[in-house]
N, C-alpha and C. Protein backbone atom coordinates (compact mmCIF):
# COMPACT_ATOMS: atom_id res chain seq x y z
N MET A 1 0.84 -1.19 0.00
CA MET A 1 0.00 0.00 0.00
C MET A 1 0.88 1.25 0.00
N ALA A 2 0.54 2.20 -0.83
CA ALA A 2 1.33 3.43 -0.94
C ALA A 2 1.20 4.26 0.34
N ALA A 3 2.26 4.99 0.63
CA ALA A 3 2.25 5.88 1.79
C ALA A 3 1.19 6.96 1.58
N LYS A 4 0.61 7.42 2.67
CA LYS A 4 -0.41 8.47 2.59
C LYS A 4 0.22 9.76 2.11
N LEU A 5 -0.60 10.57 1.43
CA LEU A 5 -0.12 11.80 0.80
C LEU A 5 -0.65 13.03 1.53
N VAL A 6 0.26 13.93 1.87
CA VAL A 6 -0.09 15.20 2.49
C VAL A 6 0.17 16.31 1.47
N LEU A 7 -0.89 17.08 1.18
CA LEU A 7 -0.76 18.25 0.31
C LEU A 7 -0.45 19.45 1.20
N ILE A 8 0.71 20.05 1.00
CA ILE A 8 1.16 21.19 1.79
C ILE A 8 0.94 22.45 0.95
N VAL A 9 0.12 23.35 1.46
CA VAL A 9 -0.18 24.60 0.75
C VAL A 9 0.50 25.72 1.54
N GLU A 10 1.62 26.20 1.01
CA GLU A 10 2.46 27.14 1.75
C GLU A 10 3.32 27.92 0.77
N ASP A 11 3.27 29.26 0.85
CA ASP A 11 4.07 30.06 -0.08
C ASP A 11 5.48 30.35 0.43
N SER A 12 5.74 30.11 1.70
CA SER A 12 7.08 30.31 2.25
C SER A 12 7.91 29.05 2.01
N ALA A 13 9.04 29.21 1.30
CA ALA A 13 9.91 28.06 1.02
C ALA A 13 10.42 27.44 2.31
N THR A 14 10.74 28.26 3.30
CA THR A 14 11.23 27.76 4.59
C THR A 14 10.16 26.94 5.29
N ASP A 15 8.95 27.50 5.40
CA ASP A 15 7.87 26.81 6.10
C ASP A 15 7.45 25.53 5.38
N SER A 16 7.43 25.56 4.04
CA SER A 16 7.04 24.35 3.32
C SER A 16 8.09 23.26 3.47
N LYS A 17 9.37 23.65 3.52
CA LYS A 17 10.45 22.68 3.70
C LYS A 17 10.36 22.04 5.08
N ILE A 18 10.08 22.82 6.10
CA ILE A 18 9.92 22.28 7.46
C ILE A 18 8.77 21.27 7.48
N ALA A 19 7.62 21.65 6.93
CA ALA A 19 6.47 20.75 6.91
C ALA A 19 6.76 19.48 6.11
N GLU A 20 7.41 19.65 4.96
CA GLU A 20 7.78 18.48 4.14
C GLU A 20 8.70 17.54 4.90
N ASP A 21 9.72 18.10 5.55
CA ASP A 21 10.67 17.26 6.29
C ASP A 21 9.97 16.49 7.41
N VAL A 22 9.08 17.16 8.13
CA VAL A 22 8.35 16.50 9.22
C VAL A 22 7.48 15.38 8.65
N CYS A 23 6.73 15.67 7.60
CA CYS A 23 5.85 14.67 6.99
C CYS A 23 6.65 13.47 6.48
N GLN A 24 7.73 13.75 5.76
CA GLN A 24 8.52 12.68 5.19
C GLN A 24 9.22 11.85 6.26
N SER A 25 9.58 12.48 7.39
CA SER A 25 10.20 11.74 8.49
C SER A 25 9.23 10.73 9.09
N GLN A 26 7.94 10.95 8.88
CA GLN A 26 6.91 10.04 9.39
C GLN A 26 6.41 9.07 8.31
N GLY A 27 7.05 9.10 7.15
CA GLY A 27 6.71 8.16 6.09
C GLY A 27 5.63 8.62 5.13
N TYR A 28 5.22 9.89 5.22
CA TYR A 28 4.20 10.41 4.32
C TYR A 28 4.85 10.95 3.05
N ARG A 29 4.13 10.82 1.93
CA ARG A 29 4.53 11.48 0.70
C ARG A 29 4.00 12.90 0.76
N THR A 30 4.62 13.81 0.01
CA THR A 30 4.17 15.21 0.03
C THR A 30 4.11 15.79 -1.37
N VAL A 31 3.20 16.74 -1.52
CA VAL A 31 3.12 17.60 -2.70
C VAL A 31 2.96 19.00 -2.16
N VAL A 32 3.69 19.97 -2.73
CA VAL A 32 3.61 21.35 -2.26
C VAL A 32 2.98 22.23 -3.32
N VAL A 33 2.07 23.10 -2.88
CA VAL A 33 1.46 24.12 -3.74
C VAL A 33 1.75 25.46 -3.08
N THR A 34 2.12 26.46 -3.88
CA THR A 34 2.50 27.75 -3.31
C THR A 34 1.49 28.86 -3.56
N GLU A 35 0.46 28.59 -4.37
CA GLU A 35 -0.52 29.62 -4.70
C GLU A 35 -1.94 29.11 -4.45
N GLY A 36 -2.76 29.97 -3.85
CA GLY A 36 -4.11 29.58 -3.50
C GLY A 36 -4.98 29.14 -4.65
N ASP A 37 -4.79 29.75 -5.82
CA ASP A 37 -5.67 29.41 -6.94
C ASP A 37 -5.32 28.09 -7.62
N LYS A 38 -4.26 27.41 -7.17
CA LYS A 38 -3.87 26.13 -7.77
C LYS A 38 -4.20 24.94 -6.87
N VAL A 39 -4.74 25.21 -5.69
CA VAL A 39 -4.94 24.15 -4.71
C VAL A 39 -5.99 23.13 -5.14
N LEU A 40 -7.15 23.59 -5.56
CA LEU A 40 -8.23 22.67 -5.90
C LEU A 40 -7.81 21.71 -7.01
N ALA A 41 -7.26 22.25 -8.08
CA ALA A 41 -6.84 21.39 -9.20
C ALA A 41 -5.78 20.39 -8.77
N THR A 42 -4.84 20.84 -7.94
CA THR A 42 -3.79 19.94 -7.46
C THR A 42 -4.38 18.86 -6.56
N ALA A 43 -5.32 19.24 -5.70
CA ALA A 43 -5.97 18.27 -4.81
C ALA A 43 -6.74 17.22 -5.62
N ILE A 44 -7.44 17.66 -6.65
CA ILE A 44 -8.19 16.72 -7.49
C ILE A 44 -7.23 15.78 -8.22
N GLU A 45 -6.12 16.33 -8.72
CA GLU A 45 -5.14 15.52 -9.46
C GLU A 45 -4.46 14.48 -8.57
N HIS A 46 -4.08 14.87 -7.34
CA HIS A 46 -3.26 14.00 -6.49
C HIS A 46 -4.04 13.23 -5.43
N ASN A 47 -5.29 13.61 -5.17
CA ASN A 47 -6.14 12.93 -4.20
C ASN A 47 -5.44 12.74 -2.84
N PRO A 48 -5.08 13.83 -2.16
CA PRO A 48 -4.34 13.72 -0.90
C PRO A 48 -5.19 13.13 0.22
N ASP A 49 -4.51 12.61 1.24
CA ASP A 49 -5.17 12.09 2.43
C ASP A 49 -5.37 13.18 3.47
N LEU A 50 -4.64 14.28 3.32
CA LEU A 50 -4.72 15.42 4.24
C LEU A 50 -4.18 16.65 3.53
N ILE A 51 -4.75 17.82 3.87
CA ILE A 51 -4.25 19.08 3.32
C ILE A 51 -3.85 19.98 4.48
N LEU A 52 -2.59 20.43 4.47
CA LEU A 52 -2.09 21.44 5.41
C LEU A 52 -2.13 22.76 4.67
N LEU A 53 -2.92 23.71 5.16
CA LEU A 53 -3.26 24.92 4.40
C LEU A 53 -2.89 26.19 5.14
N ASP A 54 -1.97 26.96 4.58
CA ASP A 54 -1.63 28.28 5.12
C ASP A 54 -2.78 29.24 4.80
N VAL A 55 -2.88 30.32 5.56
CA VAL A 55 -3.92 31.31 5.30
C VAL A 55 -3.44 32.39 4.33
N ILE A 56 -2.23 32.86 4.52
CA ILE A 56 -1.71 33.96 3.71
C ILE A 56 -1.01 33.37 2.49
N LEU A 57 -1.70 33.50 1.34
CA LEU A 57 -1.22 32.92 0.08
C LEU A 57 -1.42 33.91 -1.05
N PRO A 58 -0.62 33.80 -2.12
CA PRO A 58 -0.88 34.62 -3.30
C PRO A 58 -2.18 34.16 -3.99
N ASN A 59 -2.87 35.08 -4.59
CA ASN A 59 -4.04 34.85 -5.45
C ASN A 59 -5.35 34.56 -4.73
N LYS A 60 -5.32 33.78 -3.66
CA LYS A 60 -6.54 33.41 -2.96
C LYS A 60 -6.12 32.99 -1.55
N ASN A 61 -6.78 33.54 -0.51
CA ASN A 61 -6.33 33.20 0.84
C ASN A 61 -6.82 31.82 1.27
N GLY A 62 -6.23 31.32 2.33
CA GLY A 62 -6.53 29.97 2.80
C GLY A 62 -7.98 29.77 3.20
N PHE A 63 -8.63 30.81 3.72
CA PHE A 63 -10.04 30.68 4.08
C PHE A 63 -10.88 30.45 2.81
N GLN A 64 -10.58 31.18 1.75
CA GLN A 64 -11.29 31.01 0.48
C GLN A 64 -11.01 29.62 -0.10
N VAL A 65 -9.76 29.19 -0.01
CA VAL A 65 -9.38 27.88 -0.53
C VAL A 65 -10.10 26.77 0.24
N CYS A 66 -10.15 26.91 1.55
CA CYS A 66 -10.82 25.90 2.38
C CYS A 66 -12.29 25.78 1.99
N ARG A 67 -12.95 26.90 1.85
CA ARG A 67 -14.36 26.91 1.46
C ARG A 67 -14.53 26.22 0.09
N GLN A 68 -13.60 26.50 -0.84
CA GLN A 68 -13.66 25.90 -2.16
C GLN A 68 -13.45 24.38 -2.08
N LEU A 69 -12.48 23.94 -1.30
CA LEU A 69 -12.21 22.51 -1.16
C LEU A 69 -13.40 21.77 -0.56
N LYS A 70 -13.99 22.37 0.47
CA LYS A 70 -15.12 21.72 1.16
C LYS A 70 -16.40 21.78 0.34
N GLY A 71 -16.43 22.67 -0.66
CA GLY A 71 -17.60 22.79 -1.51
C GLY A 71 -17.53 21.95 -2.77
N ASP A 72 -16.41 21.29 -3.01
CA ASP A 72 -16.24 20.49 -4.22
C ASP A 72 -16.41 19.00 -3.89
N ALA A 73 -17.22 18.31 -4.67
CA ALA A 73 -17.50 16.90 -4.41
C ALA A 73 -16.23 16.04 -4.36
N ALA A 74 -15.23 16.39 -5.15
CA ALA A 74 -14.01 15.58 -5.23
C ALA A 74 -13.11 15.74 -4.00
N THR A 75 -13.25 16.85 -3.27
CA THR A 75 -12.33 17.11 -2.15
C THR A 75 -13.02 17.35 -0.81
N LYS A 76 -14.34 17.31 -0.78
CA LYS A 76 -15.06 17.70 0.44
C LYS A 76 -14.76 16.80 1.63
N ASP A 77 -14.36 15.56 1.39
CA ASP A 77 -14.10 14.63 2.49
C ASP A 77 -12.64 14.59 2.93
N VAL A 78 -11.78 15.35 2.28
CA VAL A 78 -10.37 15.41 2.68
C VAL A 78 -10.25 16.38 3.85
N ASN A 79 -9.65 15.93 4.95
CA ASN A 79 -9.47 16.82 6.09
C ASN A 79 -8.50 17.94 5.74
N VAL A 80 -8.84 19.14 6.21
CA VAL A 80 -8.02 20.32 5.99
C VAL A 80 -7.60 20.87 7.36
N VAL A 81 -6.30 21.01 7.55
CA VAL A 81 -5.76 21.64 8.75
C VAL A 81 -5.17 22.97 8.34
N ILE A 82 -5.71 24.04 8.89
CA ILE A 82 -5.12 25.35 8.63
C ILE A 82 -3.89 25.50 9.52
N VAL A 83 -2.77 25.86 8.88
CA VAL A 83 -1.51 26.06 9.58
C VAL A 83 -1.11 27.50 9.31
N SER A 84 -1.20 28.36 10.33
CA SER A 84 -1.03 29.78 10.09
C SER A 84 -0.41 30.50 11.27
N SER A 85 0.26 31.60 10.96
CA SER A 85 0.78 32.47 12.02
C SER A 85 -0.33 33.36 12.57
N LYS A 86 -1.48 33.37 11.91
CA LYS A 86 -2.63 34.15 12.39
C LYS A 86 -3.20 33.40 13.60
N ASP A 87 -3.02 34.00 14.77
CA ASP A 87 -3.32 33.26 16.00
C ASP A 87 -4.44 33.85 16.85
N GLN A 88 -5.21 34.76 16.28
CA GLN A 88 -6.32 35.34 17.03
C GLN A 88 -7.51 34.38 17.04
N ALA A 89 -8.33 34.48 18.07
CA ALA A 89 -9.53 33.63 18.15
C ALA A 89 -10.40 33.80 16.91
N SER A 90 -10.47 35.04 16.38
CA SER A 90 -11.29 35.29 15.20
C SER A 90 -10.75 34.56 13.98
N ASP A 91 -9.42 34.42 13.86
CA ASP A 91 -8.83 33.69 12.74
C ASP A 91 -9.23 32.21 12.81
N LYS A 92 -9.11 31.65 14.00
CA LYS A 92 -9.49 30.25 14.19
C LYS A 92 -10.98 30.06 13.92
N PHE A 93 -11.80 31.01 14.40
CA PHE A 93 -13.24 30.95 14.17
C PHE A 93 -13.54 30.90 12.68
N TRP A 94 -12.93 31.82 11.91
CA TRP A 94 -13.22 31.88 10.48
C TRP A 94 -12.68 30.66 9.74
N GLY A 95 -11.55 30.15 10.18
CA GLY A 95 -11.03 28.93 9.57
C GLY A 95 -11.98 27.76 9.74
N MET A 96 -12.49 27.59 10.94
CA MET A 96 -13.41 26.49 11.21
C MET A 96 -14.75 26.75 10.50
N LYS A 97 -15.15 28.01 10.44
CA LYS A 97 -16.41 28.37 9.77
C LYS A 97 -16.36 28.02 8.27
N GLN A 98 -15.16 28.08 7.68
CA GLN A 98 -15.00 27.77 6.25
C GLN A 98 -14.89 26.26 6.02
N GLY A 99 -14.89 25.48 7.09
CA GLY A 99 -14.88 24.02 6.94
C GLY A 99 -13.61 23.33 7.36
N ALA A 100 -12.63 24.08 7.89
CA ALA A 100 -11.38 23.44 8.33
C ALA A 100 -11.69 22.42 9.42
N ASP A 101 -10.92 21.35 9.42
CA ASP A 101 -11.10 20.30 10.42
C ASP A 101 -10.26 20.54 11.66
N ASP A 102 -9.22 21.36 11.52
CA ASP A 102 -8.35 21.67 12.66
C ASP A 102 -7.55 22.92 12.33
N TYR A 103 -6.84 23.45 13.33
CA TYR A 103 -6.09 24.70 13.19
C TYR A 103 -4.82 24.59 14.01
N LEU A 104 -3.68 24.83 13.39
CA LEU A 104 -2.39 24.80 14.07
C LEU A 104 -1.70 26.14 13.86
N THR A 105 -1.25 26.74 14.95
CA THR A 105 -0.60 28.04 14.87
C THR A 105 0.91 27.90 14.71
N LYS A 106 1.47 28.68 13.78
CA LYS A 106 2.93 28.76 13.58
C LYS A 106 3.48 29.81 14.54
N PRO A 107 4.69 29.66 15.00
CA PRO A 107 5.56 28.51 14.80
C PRO A 107 5.09 27.34 15.67
N TYR A 108 5.33 26.15 15.19
CA TYR A 108 4.94 24.95 15.93
C TYR A 108 6.17 24.08 16.12
N LYS A 109 6.06 23.16 17.05
CA LYS A 109 7.12 22.16 17.26
C LYS A 109 6.80 20.97 16.35
N ASP A 110 7.84 20.26 15.92
CA ASP A 110 7.64 19.12 15.02
C ASP A 110 6.62 18.14 15.58
N ASP A 111 6.70 17.85 16.89
CA ASP A 111 5.78 16.87 17.46
C ASP A 111 4.34 17.37 17.47
N GLU A 112 4.13 18.69 17.49
CA GLU A 112 2.77 19.24 17.39
C GLU A 112 2.20 18.98 16.00
N LEU A 113 3.04 19.18 14.97
CA LEU A 113 2.60 18.93 13.60
C LEU A 113 2.32 17.44 13.40
N ILE A 114 3.19 16.59 13.90
CA ILE A 114 2.99 15.14 13.77
C ILE A 114 1.67 14.73 14.43
N ALA A 115 1.41 15.24 15.62
CA ALA A 115 0.18 14.89 16.34
C ALA A 115 -1.06 15.33 15.57
N ILE A 116 -1.03 16.53 15.02
CA ILE A 116 -2.21 17.03 14.30
C ILE A 116 -2.40 16.29 12.98
N ILE A 117 -1.31 15.88 12.34
CA ILE A 117 -1.41 15.07 11.12
C ILE A 117 -2.04 13.73 11.46
N GLU A 118 -1.51 13.07 12.48
CA GLU A 118 -2.01 11.74 12.84
C GLU A 118 -3.48 11.79 13.26
N LYS A 119 -3.88 12.88 13.89
CA LYS A 119 -5.28 13.04 14.32
C LYS A 119 -6.21 13.22 13.12
N ASN A 120 -5.72 13.88 12.06
CA ASN A 120 -6.59 14.30 10.96
C ASN A 120 -6.44 13.55 9.65
N ILE A 121 -5.41 12.73 9.49
CA ILE A 121 -5.19 12.10 8.19
C ILE A 121 -6.23 11.00 7.96
N ASN A 122 -6.74 10.95 6.74
CA ASN A 122 -7.76 9.93 6.40
C ASN A 122 -7.11 8.64 5.97
């Protein structure tokens, strides 16, 4: 059986590399997308088991992307974890309101990311 796939949506090369390294250290495959308007097509193409989604992205923000993913029949059942430096209660509220399954605030420790992946991966 193939390793589970995590779609990492992150425009920061540093942050995406950290997330990729953590995921790969746990045996997950990864695909990275850096722009909000490319997420849905990439998710449909690769059929990920989990999506880690930043909020601040070029072209379309993570809240808009989450709403789009949860509104599409092909991706509505894929868990989405918003991973963002936006740490206000209102940010978390809006993320969950758009359909996110969980919310992780940056910066995070590797074991925090591993725990949230294991909790949310399908």
